[in-house]
Amino acid sequence: MTAVSLATFAAVNNDVWLTTAVTTAGLALAGYTLRLDAEARGSAQRLLTQERMARAAEAESAALADGPVSPGRSTTCWRTASRPSSCTWRRPGC
């Protein structure tokens, strides 16, 4: 569509050919810039969506790896000086 408009402009224009060429080149450059901008915005949006999905999947995977916590138990490992190996819940290495 843009190419047809530019060709029509060049054909019916009674101005100097240099002015027509510069105007055509400027309009073509502006259209190309707008297309690149739209493509970059789309890529950024897709990347953000992928990152959000990856974070959600990572959080879900971590939650599943921790396993269920017994009701009434804390999810924090509380060690005391008197019993350094005791924890309030069953996590390996705690």
N, C-alpha and C. Protein backbone atom coordinates (compact mmCIF):
# COMPACT_ATOMS: atom_id res chain seq x y z
N MET A 1 0.83 -1.19 0.00
CA MET A 1 0.00 0.00 0.00
C MET A 1 0.87 1.25 0.00
N THR A 2 1.89 1.25 0.85
CA THR A 2 2.77 2.40 0.93
C THR A 2 3.54 2.57 -0.37
N ALA A 3 3.98 1.48 -0.97
CA ALA A 3 4.73 1.56 -2.22
C ALA A 3 3.86 2.15 -3.33
N VAL A 4 2.60 1.76 -3.37
CA VAL A 4 1.68 2.30 -4.38
C VAL A 4 1.48 3.80 -4.17
N SER A 5 1.33 4.22 -2.93
CA SER A 5 1.15 5.64 -2.63
C SER A 5 2.38 6.44 -3.03
N LEU A 6 3.55 5.91 -2.74
CA LEU A 6 4.78 6.63 -3.10
C LEU A 6 4.96 6.69 -4.62
N ALA A 7 4.62 5.61 -5.31
CA ALA A 7 4.73 5.61 -6.77
C ALA A 7 3.76 6.60 -7.39
N THR A 8 2.55 6.66 -6.86
CA THR A 8 1.55 7.62 -7.35
C THR A 8 2.02 9.05 -7.10
N PHE A 9 2.57 9.27 -5.92
CA PHE A 9 3.09 10.61 -5.60
C PHE A 9 4.19 11.01 -6.59
N ALA A 10 5.09 10.11 -6.89
CA ALA A 10 6.18 10.41 -7.81
C ALA A 10 5.66 10.64 -9.23
N ALA A 11 4.63 9.91 -9.63
CA ALA A 11 4.11 10.03 -10.99
C ALA A 11 3.34 11.34 -11.21
N VAL A 12 2.57 11.77 -10.24
CA VAL A 12 1.73 12.95 -10.45
C VAL A 12 2.36 14.24 -9.92
N ASN A 13 3.50 14.14 -9.29
CA ASN A 13 4.15 15.31 -8.72
C ASN A 13 4.80 16.14 -9.83
N ASN A 14 4.58 17.43 -9.80
CA ASN A 14 5.16 18.34 -10.79
C ASN A 14 6.39 19.07 -10.25
N ASP A 15 6.91 18.63 -9.15
CA ASP A 15 8.05 19.28 -8.51
C ASP A 15 9.36 18.73 -9.08
N VAL A 16 10.45 19.29 -8.61
CA VAL A 16 11.78 18.85 -9.03
C VAL A 16 11.98 17.39 -8.58
N TRP A 17 12.65 16.59 -9.40
CA TRP A 17 12.82 15.17 -9.10
C TRP A 17 13.59 14.94 -7.81
N LEU A 18 14.52 15.84 -7.48
CA LEU A 18 15.31 15.69 -6.25
C LEU A 18 14.41 15.81 -5.02
N THR A 19 13.51 16.76 -5.04
CA THR A 19 12.57 16.93 -3.93
C THR A 19 11.68 15.69 -3.78
N THR A 20 11.22 15.18 -4.92
CA THR A 20 10.38 13.98 -4.90
C THR A 20 11.16 12.78 -4.34
N ALA A 21 12.41 12.63 -4.76
CA ALA A 21 13.24 11.52 -4.29
C ALA A 21 13.51 11.62 -2.80
N VAL A 22 13.82 12.82 -2.31
CA VAL A 22 14.09 13.00 -0.89
C VAL A 22 12.83 12.76 -0.06
N THR A 23 11.69 13.25 -0.53
CA THR A 23 10.43 13.03 0.18
C THR A 23 10.09 11.54 0.21
N THR A 24 10.25 10.87 -0.90
CA THR A 24 9.98 9.44 -0.97
C THR A 24 10.90 8.66 -0.03
N ALA A 25 12.18 9.00 -0.04
CA ALA A 25 13.14 8.33 0.83
C ALA A 25 12.81 8.58 2.30
N GLY A 26 12.44 9.80 2.64
CA GLY A 26 12.07 10.12 4.03
C GLY A 26 10.85 9.34 4.49
N LEU A 27 9.83 9.27 3.64
CA LEU A 27 8.63 8.51 3.99
C LEU A 27 8.92 7.02 4.12
N ALA A 28 9.77 6.50 3.23
CA ALA A 28 10.13 5.08 3.30
C ALA A 28 10.92 4.80 4.57
N LEU A 29 11.84 5.68 4.93
CA LEU A 29 12.62 5.51 6.15
C LEU A 29 11.74 5.58 7.40
N ALA A 30 10.78 6.50 7.40
CA ALA A 30 9.86 6.60 8.53
C ALA A 30 9.02 5.33 8.67
N GLY A 31 8.54 4.78 7.56
CA GLY A 31 7.77 3.55 7.60
C GLY A 31 8.60 2.38 8.09
N TYR A 32 9.85 2.31 7.65
CA TYR A 32 10.74 1.23 8.08
C TYR A 32 11.03 1.34 9.58
N THR A 33 11.22 2.56 10.05
CA THR A 33 11.48 2.78 11.48
C THR A 33 10.27 2.37 12.32
N LEU A 34 9.09 2.72 11.88
CA LEU A 34 7.88 2.32 12.61
C LEU A 34 7.71 0.81 12.64
N ARG A 35 8.04 0.14 11.54
CA ARG A 35 7.94 -1.32 11.51
C ARG A 35 8.93 -1.95 12.48
N LEU A 36 10.17 -1.45 12.49
CA LEU A 36 11.17 -1.98 13.42
C LEU A 36 10.78 -1.74 14.87
N ASP A 37 10.19 -0.58 15.15
CA ASP A 37 9.76 -0.27 16.50
C ASP A 37 8.66 -1.23 16.95
N ALA A 38 7.70 -1.48 16.08
CA ALA A 38 6.62 -2.40 16.41
C ALA A 38 7.16 -3.82 16.63
N GLU A 39 8.11 -4.22 15.81
CA GLU A 39 8.71 -5.55 15.96
C GLU A 39 9.47 -5.66 17.28
N ALA A 40 10.21 -4.61 17.65
CA ALA A 40 10.95 -4.62 18.92
C ALA A 40 10.01 -4.66 20.11
N ARG A 41 8.93 -3.91 20.05
CA ARG A 41 7.95 -3.93 21.14
C ARG A 41 7.32 -5.32 21.29
N GLY A 42 7.01 -5.95 20.17
CA GLY A 42 6.44 -7.29 20.21
C GLY A 42 7.42 -8.29 20.80
N SER A 43 8.69 -8.18 20.41
CA SER A 43 9.71 -9.09 20.95
C SER A 43 9.89 -8.89 22.44
N ALA A 44 9.89 -7.65 22.88
CA ALA A 44 10.03 -7.36 24.31
C ALA A 44 8.84 -7.92 25.09
N GLN A 45 7.65 -7.78 24.55
CA GLN A 45 6.46 -8.30 25.21
C GLN A 45 6.51 -9.82 25.32
N ARG A 46 6.93 -10.49 24.23
CA ARG A 46 7.06 -11.95 24.26
C ARG A 46 8.11 -12.38 25.27
N LEU A 47 9.23 -11.67 25.34
CA LEU A 47 10.29 -12.01 26.29
C LEU A 47 9.82 -11.85 27.73
N LEU A 48 9.10 -10.77 28.02
CA LEU A 48 8.57 -10.58 29.37
C LEU A 48 7.58 -11.68 29.74
N THR A 49 6.75 -12.07 28.79
CA THR A 49 5.79 -13.15 29.05
C THR A 49 6.51 -14.46 29.33
N GLN A 50 7.56 -14.76 28.55
CA GLN A 50 8.33 -15.98 28.78
C GLN A 50 9.01 -15.96 30.14
N GLU A 51 9.56 -14.79 30.53
CA GLU A 51 10.21 -14.69 31.83
C GLU A 51 9.21 -14.89 32.97
N ARG A 52 8.03 -14.31 32.84
CA ARG A 52 7.00 -14.49 33.87
C ARG A 52 6.59 -15.96 33.99
N MET A 53 6.41 -16.60 32.85
CA MET A 53 6.04 -18.01 32.87
C MET A 53 7.15 -18.87 33.46
N ALA A 54 8.41 -18.54 33.16
CA ALA A 54 9.53 -19.30 33.71
C ALA A 54 9.62 -19.12 35.22
N ARG A 55 9.41 -17.90 35.69
CA ARG A 55 9.44 -17.65 37.14
C ARG A 55 8.30 -18.39 37.85
N ALA A 56 7.13 -18.38 37.25
CA ALA A 56 5.99 -19.09 37.84
C ALA A 56 6.26 -20.59 37.88
N ALA A 57 6.81 -21.13 36.80
CA ALA A 57 7.13 -22.56 36.77
C ALA A 57 8.22 -22.90 37.78
N GLU A 58 9.20 -22.01 37.92
CA GLU A 58 10.27 -22.24 38.89
C GLU A 58 9.72 -22.21 40.32
N ALA A 59 8.83 -21.28 40.59
CA ALA A 59 8.23 -21.20 41.93
C ALA A 59 7.38 -22.43 42.21
N GLU A 60 6.64 -22.88 41.21
CA GLU A 60 5.81 -24.08 41.40
C GLU A 60 6.69 -25.31 41.61
N SER A 61 7.77 -25.39 40.84
CA SER A 61 8.68 -26.52 40.99
C SER A 61 9.34 -26.52 42.36
N ALA A 62 9.74 -25.34 42.84
CA ALA A 62 10.35 -25.25 44.17
C ALA A 62 9.35 -25.63 45.25
N ALA A 63 8.11 -25.21 45.09
CA ALA A 63 7.07 -25.54 46.07
C ALA A 63 6.82 -27.04 46.09
N LEU A 64 6.82 -27.67 44.93
CA LEU A 64 6.61 -29.12 44.87
C LEU A 64 7.81 -29.88 45.42
N ALA A 65 9.02 -29.33 45.22
CA ALA A 65 10.23 -30.00 45.70
C ALA A 65 10.32 -29.95 47.22
N ASP A 66 9.81 -28.88 47.83
CA ASP A 66 9.84 -28.77 49.29
C ASP A 66 8.92 -29.78 49.95
N GLY A 67 7.89 -30.16 49.28
CA GLY A 67 6.94 -31.12 49.83
C GLY A 67 5.96 -30.44 50.76
N PRO A 68 4.96 -31.18 51.17
CA PRO A 68 3.95 -30.59 52.05
C PRO A 68 4.51 -30.36 53.45
N VAL A 69 4.08 -29.30 54.07
CA VAL A 69 4.46 -28.98 55.44
C VAL A 69 3.32 -29.40 56.35
N SER A 70 3.66 -30.05 57.41
CA SER A 70 2.63 -30.50 58.35
C SER A 70 1.91 -29.29 58.94
N PRO A 71 0.62 -29.41 59.17
CA PRO A 71 -0.13 -28.30 59.76
C PRO A 71 0.44 -27.94 61.13
N GLY A 72 0.54 -26.66 61.39
CA GLY A 72 1.03 -26.19 62.69
C GLY A 72 2.55 -26.11 62.77
N ARG A 73 3.25 -26.54 61.72
CA ARG A 73 4.71 -26.48 61.73
C ARG A 73 5.17 -25.26 60.94
N SER A 74 6.28 -24.73 61.35
CA SER A 74 6.85 -23.58 60.67
C SER A 74 7.66 -24.07 59.48
N THR A 75 7.80 -23.24 58.47
CA THR A 75 8.63 -23.59 57.32
C THR A 75 10.05 -23.07 57.50
N THR A 76 10.38 -22.60 58.69
CA THR A 76 11.72 -22.10 58.98
C THR A 76 12.44 -23.11 59.86
N CYS A 77 13.70 -23.30 59.61
CA CYS A 77 14.49 -24.21 60.43
C CYS A 77 15.00 -23.44 61.64
N TRP A 78 14.57 -23.84 62.81
CA TRP A 78 14.98 -23.16 64.05
C TRP A 78 15.97 -24.05 64.78
N ARG A 79 17.22 -23.64 64.81
CA ARG A 79 18.24 -24.39 65.54
C ARG A 79 18.55 -23.65 66.84
N THR A 80 18.78 -24.41 67.84
CA THR A 80 19.12 -23.81 69.13
C THR A 80 20.52 -24.24 69.52
N ALA A 81 21.11 -23.51 70.43
CA ALA A 81 22.47 -23.84 70.87
C ALA A 81 22.49 -25.17 71.60
N SER A 82 21.43 -25.50 72.29
CA SER A 82 21.41 -26.76 73.03
C SER A 82 21.20 -27.96 72.11
N ARG A 83 20.45 -27.75 71.01
CA ARG A 83 20.21 -28.85 70.06
C ARG A 83 20.48 -28.35 68.64
N PRO A 84 21.76 -28.27 68.20
CA PRO A 84 22.06 -27.72 66.89
C PRO A 84 21.54 -28.56 65.73
N SER A 85 21.25 -29.82 65.95
CA SER A 85 20.79 -30.66 64.83
C SER A 85 19.27 -30.75 64.75
N SER A 86 18.57 -30.13 65.68
CA SER A 86 17.12 -30.26 65.68
C SER A 86 16.48 -29.15 64.85
N CYS A 87 15.43 -29.50 64.18
CA CYS A 87 14.67 -28.54 63.37
C CYS A 87 13.20 -28.71 63.67
N THR A 88 12.43 -27.71 63.33
CA THR A 88 11.00 -27.81 63.55
C THR A 88 10.30 -28.49 62.38
N TRP A 89 11.00 -28.84 61.34
CA TRP A 89 10.40 -29.53 60.22
C TRP A 89 11.42 -30.44 59.57
N ARG A 90 10.98 -31.30 58.66
CA ARG A 90 11.81 -32.34 58.10
C ARG A 90 12.43 -31.96 56.76
N ARG A 91 13.45 -31.18 56.74
CA ARG A 91 14.11 -30.85 55.49
C ARG A 91 15.54 -31.39 55.55
N PRO A 92 16.00 -32.11 54.52
CA PRO A 92 17.35 -32.66 54.55
C PRO A 92 18.40 -31.54 54.66
N GLY A 93 19.38 -31.76 55.46
CA GLY A 93 20.45 -30.79 55.63
C GLY A 93 20.12 -29.68 56.60
N CYS A 94 19.02 -29.77 57.26
CA CYS A 94 18.61 -28.73 58.17
C CYS A 94 19.09 -29.05 59.57
